Amino acid sequence: MKIVVTGSAGRVGSRMVSRLLEAGHAVTGFDLRPLGRKDPTYREVIGAFGQRDLAAEAMKGAEAVLHLGAFMSWLPSDIDRLYKANVDGTRVILEAAASAGVRRFLFASSGEVYPEGAPETLPLDESHSLKPRSHYGLTKLMGEELVRFFARTANLPFTILRFSHTQDAAELLDPASFFSGPRFFLQPKIRQQEGFGNKAAVEALRALDDGREALVVSRNANGRPFRMHITDTRDMVDGILLAFGSEAALGEVFNLGSTEPVDFAKALPIMAEATGLPLRTVDLPGAGVYYETSNAKIRELLGFEPKWTIERMIAEAADVWKAKNAS
């Protein structure tokens, strides 16, 4: 099968390219950055999704599309870029896919289409109301609506996967990681909150900073530790392949991610033991991050079973940490 993978140079997309090539498919990668994969059945189109000529070039001969690419940010300064990439870009990709007559379109949405910061019920399942609380989540919900529109008007067969937060295990203990740095490490968290303009949070965090790197357990204003899903990239790729290869997934929406959420109060002490870094605790203003998303539908309908628990991910990250700090 000839398959287009958008976001082909990204964390998930690059692994999808490898798995699809290994399975004997011909793959076209479409991203702002080259993957640089050398394979006779792989080609690349480099550029933005919203460029119609490039989207048309990517779709030449395509039978299926995995639209995994997106721009992700929560900074006010990036709002225009979010809509340009995730809404306008998705519309152009869909137009090109419909014109090419592709037989399957898989769209990577996000758990942020739910009100994760203020859930009405837990766990969040696919029937929960869609009330995003971030511009990123809103752009992904608008992307979902575009997919449904093209299904109605162009008979485009689709599957929507609402992604959990996704990381490579090795990133968990990397203070330079875009995600894990500000999530788990004190000084990167201070810089992140400064960027958001959260003065009260910055003040609370700086009170813990003695100039040395430390891990930090984030809690809300009432002392409740943060809780969220963190899913290993390998499990996400397995889930995408299951959905992509199943007729039962056509026309369906699935939450894709780990079965159990990560309790920061339990995970951070394991990380501190693995690294030898001091562990701080901070109470931040507001309700904090606290949610659980159900993956029951994709497990029951498609047989998805994630293998990488947070403990297993931390163990792998610890090996990387030790190797890096041994030199």
Protein backbone atom coordinates (compact mmCIF):
# COMPACT_ATOMS: atom_id res chain seq x y z
CA MET A 1 0.00 0.00 0.00
CA LYS A 2 1.15 3.57 -0.70
CA ILE A 3 0.86 5.54 2.53
CA VAL A 4 1.48 9.21 3.36
CA VAL A 5 2.71 9.93 6.89
CA THR A 6 2.60 13.57 7.96
CA GLY A 7 4.89 14.54 10.81
CA SER A 8 7.28 11.91 9.49
CA ALA A 9 10.32 13.39 11.26
CA GLY A 10 8.59 13.52 14.64
CA ARG A 11 8.65 11.25 17.67
CA VAL A 12 5.71 9.10 16.57
CA GLY A 13 5.86 9.67 12.82
CA SER A 14 9.47 8.54 12.40
CA ARG A 15 8.70 5.25 14.10
CA MET A 16 5.56 4.80 12.01
CA VAL A 17 7.63 5.24 8.87
CA SER A 18 10.01 2.50 10.01
CA ARG A 19 7.22 0.09 10.93
CA LEU A 20 5.35 0.66 7.67
CA LEU A 21 8.47 0.17 5.56
CA GLU A 22 9.29 -3.01 7.48
CA ALA A 23 5.78 -4.25 6.67
CA GLY A 24 6.42 -3.75 2.95
CA HIS A 25 4.49 -0.53 2.32
CA ALA A 26 5.67 2.35 0.15
CA VAL A 27 5.77 5.50 2.29
CA THR A 28 5.83 9.22 1.60
CA GLY A 29 6.90 11.39 4.52
CA PHE A 30 5.59 14.95 4.71
CA ASP A 31 7.12 17.29 7.28
CA LEU A 32 8.94 20.57 7.75
CA ARG A 33 12.11 18.63 8.54
CA PRO A 34 13.63 15.75 6.59
CA LEU A 35 13.75 12.34 8.21
CA GLY A 36 16.65 11.44 5.94
CA ARG A 37 15.61 7.81 5.68
CA LYS A 38 17.41 5.97 2.89
CA ASP A 39 15.06 3.35 1.46
CA PRO A 40 13.98 2.70 -2.14
CA THR A 41 10.31 2.64 -1.08
CA TYR A 42 10.50 5.89 0.90
CA ARG A 43 10.27 9.45 -0.41
CA GLU A 44 9.92 12.80 1.32
CA VAL A 45 8.08 16.03 0.71
CA ILE A 46 9.53 18.84 2.81
CA GLY A 47 7.39 21.82 3.75
CA ALA A 48 4.29 23.03 5.57
CA PHE A 49 1.03 21.10 5.39
CA GLY A 50 -0.82 24.21 4.25
CA GLN A 51 1.14 24.46 1.00
CA ARG A 52 -1.29 23.09 -1.59
CA ASP A 53 1.31 22.22 -4.21
CA LEU A 54 3.32 20.21 -1.68
CA ALA A 55 0.22 18.49 -0.28
CA ALA A 56 -0.78 17.49 -3.81
CA GLU A 57 2.74 16.20 -4.46
CA ALA A 58 2.68 14.15 -1.26
CA MET A 59 -0.66 12.58 -2.19
CA LYS A 60 0.38 11.37 -5.66
CA GLY A 61 -0.62 7.71 -5.84
CA ALA A 62 -1.57 7.63 -2.15
CA GLU A 63 -4.01 5.01 -0.92
CA ALA A 64 -3.98 5.98 2.76
CA VAL A 65 -2.93 8.88 4.97
CA LEU A 66 -1.72 8.94 8.56
CA HIS A 67 -2.05 12.60 9.53
CA LEU A 68 0.16 12.60 12.62
CA GLY A 69 1.82 15.97 12.16
CA ALA A 70 0.80 19.00 14.20
CA PHE A 71 2.21 22.08 15.87
CA MET A 72 2.08 21.89 19.66
CA SER A 73 2.42 24.88 21.97
CA TRP A 74 0.70 26.54 24.92
CA LEU A 75 2.41 29.91 24.59
CA PRO A 76 0.17 32.90 23.80
CA SER A 77 2.71 34.03 21.21
CA ASP A 78 2.15 30.80 19.22
CA ILE A 79 -1.65 30.99 18.85
CA ASP A 80 -1.64 32.13 15.21
CA ARG A 81 0.84 29.42 14.30
CA LEU A 82 -1.33 26.78 16.00
CA TYR A 83 -4.35 27.58 13.85
CA LYS A 84 -2.32 27.88 10.67
CA ALA A 85 -0.72 24.46 11.09
CA ASN A 86 -3.43 22.44 12.82
CA VAL A 87 -6.57 23.85 11.21
CA ASP A 88 -5.63 25.37 7.85
CA GLY A 89 -2.93 22.75 7.30
CA THR A 90 -5.30 19.90 8.14
CA ARG A 91 -7.92 21.31 5.75
CA VAL A 92 -5.40 21.41 2.89
CA ILE A 93 -4.22 17.86 3.66
CA LEU A 94 -7.83 16.65 3.61
CA GLU A 95 -8.56 18.41 0.33
CA ALA A 96 -5.52 16.79 -1.26
CA ALA A 97 -6.38 13.37 0.18
CA ALA A 98 -9.97 13.57 -1.07
CA SER A 99 -8.79 14.64 -4.54
CA ALA A 100 -6.37 11.71 -4.61
CA GLY A 101 -9.15 9.28 -3.68
CA VAL A 102 -7.40 7.83 -0.65
CA ARG A 103 -9.19 4.86 0.90
CA ARG A 104 -8.35 5.58 4.54
CA PHE A 105 -7.52 8.69 6.55
CA LEU A 106 -6.29 8.38 10.13
CA PHE A 107 -6.22 11.60 12.14
CA ALA A 108 -4.16 12.10 15.29
CA SER A 109 -6.27 14.23 17.61
CA SER A 110 -5.59 14.85 21.31
CA GLY A 111 -7.01 14.25 24.76
CA GLU A 112 -7.01 18.03 25.03
CA VAL A 113 -10.30 18.09 23.12
CA TYR A 114 -11.75 17.14 26.52
CA PRO A 115 -11.78 19.58 29.44
CA GLU A 116 -8.86 17.73 31.05
CA GLY A 117 -8.35 20.55 33.52
CA ALA A 118 -11.97 20.41 34.66
CA PRO A 119 -13.44 16.99 33.79
CA GLU A 120 -17.16 16.50 34.35
CA THR A 121 -16.70 12.78 35.04
CA LEU A 122 -13.71 10.45 35.38
CA PRO A 123 -12.43 8.53 33.61
CA LEU A 124 -12.77 10.59 30.45
CA ASP A 125 -14.17 8.34 27.72
CA GLU A 126 -15.16 9.02 24.12
CA SER A 127 -18.68 10.07 25.17
CA HIS A 128 -17.44 12.90 27.41
CA SER A 129 -18.31 16.41 26.29
CA LEU A 130 -15.72 18.13 24.11
CA LYS A 131 -14.77 21.40 25.78
CA PRO A 132 -11.07 22.11 25.17
CA ARG A 133 -9.40 24.54 27.55
CA SER A 134 -6.33 25.30 25.44
CA HIS A 135 -5.92 26.68 21.95
CA TYR A 136 -4.00 23.54 21.06
CA GLY A 137 -6.98 21.40 22.13
CA LEU A 138 -9.36 23.65 20.21
CA THR A 139 -7.31 23.32 17.02
CA LYS A 140 -7.40 19.53 17.35
CA LEU A 141 -11.17 19.57 17.86
CA MET A 142 -11.52 21.74 14.76
CA GLY A 143 -9.35 19.20 12.94
CA GLU A 144 -11.74 16.43 14.00
CA GLU A 145 -14.68 18.41 12.63
CA LEU A 146 -12.85 18.89 9.34
CA VAL A 147 -12.29 15.14 9.10
CA ARG A 148 -16.00 14.48 9.70
CA PHE A 149 -16.91 17.14 7.12
CA PHE A 150 -14.81 15.44 4.44
CA ALA A 151 -16.27 12.07 5.42
CA ARG A 152 -19.76 13.50 4.77
CA THR A 153 -19.00 15.48 1.64
CA ALA A 154 -16.22 13.48 -0.03
CA ASN A 155 -16.87 9.95 1.30
CA LEU A 156 -13.45 9.92 2.92
CA PRO A 157 -13.16 6.86 5.24
CA PHE A 158 -11.61 7.93 8.55
CA THR A 159 -10.47 6.96 12.02
CA ILE A 160 -9.78 9.49 14.77
CA LEU A 161 -7.35 8.71 17.59
CA ARG A 162 -7.27 11.04 20.58
CA PHE A 163 -3.66 10.81 21.67
CA SER A 164 -2.49 10.65 25.24
CA HIS A 165 0.57 12.68 26.16
CA THR A 166 3.37 10.72 24.46
CA GLN A 167 7.07 10.44 25.25
CA ASP A 168 10.10 8.30 24.59
CA ALA A 169 11.13 6.61 27.83
CA ALA A 170 14.65 8.06 27.59
CA GLU A 171 13.19 11.59 27.74
CA LEU A 172 11.72 11.17 31.21
CA LEU A 173 14.98 11.98 33.00
CA ASP A 174 16.27 14.57 30.54
CA PRO A 175 16.07 18.14 31.92
CA ALA A 176 16.49 19.44 28.35
CA SER A 177 13.39 17.57 27.13
CA PHE A 178 10.61 19.84 25.84
CA PHE A 179 8.11 17.90 27.95
CA SER A 180 9.92 16.26 30.87
CA GLY A 181 12.21 19.18 31.62
CA PRO A 182 9.49 21.55 32.85
CA ARG A 183 7.27 18.74 34.06
CA PHE A 184 9.72 17.08 36.45
CA PHE A 185 12.82 19.31 36.84
CA LEU A 186 12.79 22.43 38.99
CA GLN A 187 14.85 24.91 36.97
CA PRO A 188 13.25 24.09 33.58
CA LYS A 189 9.86 24.39 35.30
CA ILE A 190 10.77 27.86 36.53
CA ARG A 191 11.71 28.90 32.98
CA GLN A 192 8.48 27.44 31.60
CA GLN A 193 6.29 29.29 34.09
CA GLU A 194 8.20 32.51 33.40
CA GLY A 195 7.35 32.04 29.73
CA PHE A 196 3.68 31.56 30.60
CA GLY A 197 3.75 34.69 32.75
CA ASN A 198 2.59 32.77 35.86
CA LYS A 199 4.15 35.03 38.49
CA ALA A 200 2.71 33.23 41.53
CA ALA A 201 3.96 29.86 40.28
CA VAL A 202 7.41 31.28 39.55
CA GLU A 203 7.60 32.72 43.05
CA ALA A 204 6.65 29.37 44.63
CA LEU A 205 9.20 27.50 42.53
CA ARG A 206 12.03 29.98 43.07
CA ALA A 207 11.60 29.57 46.82
CA LEU A 208 12.80 25.96 46.36
CA ASP A 209 15.75 26.76 44.12
CA ASP A 210 19.20 26.74 45.73
CA GLY A 211 21.01 26.78 42.39
CA ARG A 212 21.31 23.01 42.05
CA GLU A 213 19.14 20.91 39.77
CA ALA A 214 16.33 19.10 41.53
CA LEU A 215 13.23 17.09 40.74
CA VAL A 216 9.90 18.51 41.80
CA VAL A 217 6.54 16.98 42.74
CA SER A 218 3.89 19.41 41.49
CA ARG A 219 0.69 19.69 43.51
CA ASN A 220 -2.31 21.99 43.23
CA ALA A 221 -3.23 24.78 45.63
CA ASN A 222 -4.86 22.24 47.96
CA GLY A 223 -1.86 19.91 48.00
CA ARG A 224 -3.23 17.31 45.56
CA PRO A 225 -0.38 15.82 43.45
CA PHE A 226 -0.66 16.11 39.70
CA ARG A 227 -1.99 13.04 37.86
CA MET A 228 -2.00 12.49 34.10
CA HIS A 229 -1.31 9.90 31.42
CA ILE A 230 2.17 9.52 29.97
CA THR A 231 2.34 6.91 27.21
CA ASP A 232 5.45 5.39 25.68
CA THR A 233 5.89 6.12 21.97
CA ARG A 234 6.16 2.39 21.23
CA ASP A 235 2.71 1.73 22.68
CA MET A 236 1.28 4.61 20.66
CA VAL A 237 2.74 3.23 17.44
CA ASP A 238 1.29 -0.22 18.20
CA GLY A 239 -2.13 1.36 18.75
CA ILE A 240 -1.98 3.36 15.53
CA LEU A 241 -1.09 0.25 13.55
CA LEU A 242 -3.98 -1.65 15.13
CA ALA A 243 -6.45 1.08 14.24
CA PHE A 244 -5.02 1.56 10.77
CA GLY A 245 -5.28 -2.13 9.96
CA SER A 246 -8.78 -2.74 11.28
CA GLU A 247 -12.03 -2.40 9.36
CA ALA A 248 -13.76 -2.13 12.74
CA ALA A 249 -11.95 1.19 13.31
CA LEU A 250 -13.48 2.93 10.29
CA GLY A 251 -15.71 5.82 11.28
CA GLU A 252 -14.72 5.45 14.93
CA VAL A 253 -13.08 7.67 17.52
CA PHE A 254 -10.74 6.13 20.10
CA ASN A 255 -8.77 7.37 23.08
CA LEU A 256 -5.25 6.03 22.59
CA GLY A 257 -2.88 5.89 25.53
CA SER A 258 -1.77 4.14 28.67
CA THR A 259 -4.29 2.32 30.82
CA GLU A 260 -3.23 3.88 34.13
CA PRO A 261 -2.45 7.55 34.77
CA VAL A 262 0.82 8.59 36.39
CA ASP A 263 0.59 9.81 39.99
CA PHE A 264 3.41 12.33 40.38
CA ALA A 265 3.70 11.66 44.13
CA LYS A 266 4.52 8.02 43.34
CA ALA A 267 6.61 8.43 40.19
CA LEU A 268 8.91 11.27 41.27
CA PRO A 269 10.47 9.43 44.25
CA ILE A 270 11.40 6.61 41.85
CA MET A 271 13.01 9.16 39.54
CA ALA A 272 14.87 10.76 42.46
CA GLU A 273 16.25 7.39 43.55
CA ALA A 274 17.37 6.65 39.99
CA THR A 275 19.17 9.97 39.55
CA GLY A 276 20.31 10.82 43.05
CA LEU A 277 18.82 14.30 42.61
CA PRO A 278 17.06 16.01 45.52
CA LEU A 279 13.27 15.95 45.45
CA ARG A 280 11.23 19.07 46.18
CA THR A 281 7.48 19.51 46.52
CA VAL A 282 5.63 22.60 45.35
CA ASP A 283 2.00 23.68 45.69
CA LEU A 284 1.05 25.68 42.62
CA PRO A 285 -1.91 28.05 42.22
CA GLY A 286 -5.09 26.66 40.70
CA ALA A 287 -6.73 23.27 40.30
CA GLY A 288 -3.64 21.62 38.80
CA VAL A 289 -3.40 18.67 36.44
CA TYR A 290 -5.58 15.77 37.54
CA TYR A 291 -7.36 13.45 35.14
CA GLU A 292 -7.76 9.88 33.95
CA THR A 293 -8.65 8.92 30.40
CA SER A 294 -10.24 5.57 29.56
CA ASN A 295 -8.72 3.44 26.78
CA ALA A 296 -11.36 0.73 27.30
CA LYS A 297 -12.92 1.17 23.85
CA ILE A 298 -9.72 0.56 21.87
CA ARG A 299 -8.74 -2.31 24.16
CA GLU A 300 -12.11 -4.02 23.85
CA LEU A 301 -12.80 -3.35 20.16
CA LEU A 302 -9.30 -3.64 18.69
CA GLY A 303 -7.34 -5.58 21.32
CA PHE A 304 -4.90 -2.80 22.20
CA GLU A 305 -2.75 -3.61 25.24
CA PRO A 306 -0.05 -1.10 26.22
CA LYS A 307 3.14 -2.72 27.49
CA TRP A 308 5.19 0.20 28.83
CA THR A 309 4.16 1.11 32.38
CA ILE A 310 5.63 4.26 33.89
CA GLU A 311 7.85 2.10 36.12
CA ARG A 312 9.26 0.33 33.07
CA MET A 313 9.77 3.66 31.30
CA ILE A 314 11.61 5.13 34.30
CA ALA A 315 13.86 2.06 34.49
CA GLU A 316 14.89 2.56 30.87
CA ALA A 317 15.36 6.30 31.44
CA ALA A 318 17.55 5.52 34.47
CA ASP A 319 19.90 3.47 32.29
CA VAL A 320 20.23 6.39 29.89
CA TRP A 321 20.81 8.79 32.81
CA LYS A 322 23.53 6.62 34.30
CA ALA A 323 25.30 6.17 30.97
CA LYS A 324 25.22 9.92 30.28
CA ASN A 325 26.46 10.86 33.74
CA ALA A 326 29.13 8.16 33.94
CA SER A 327 31.33 9.92 31.40
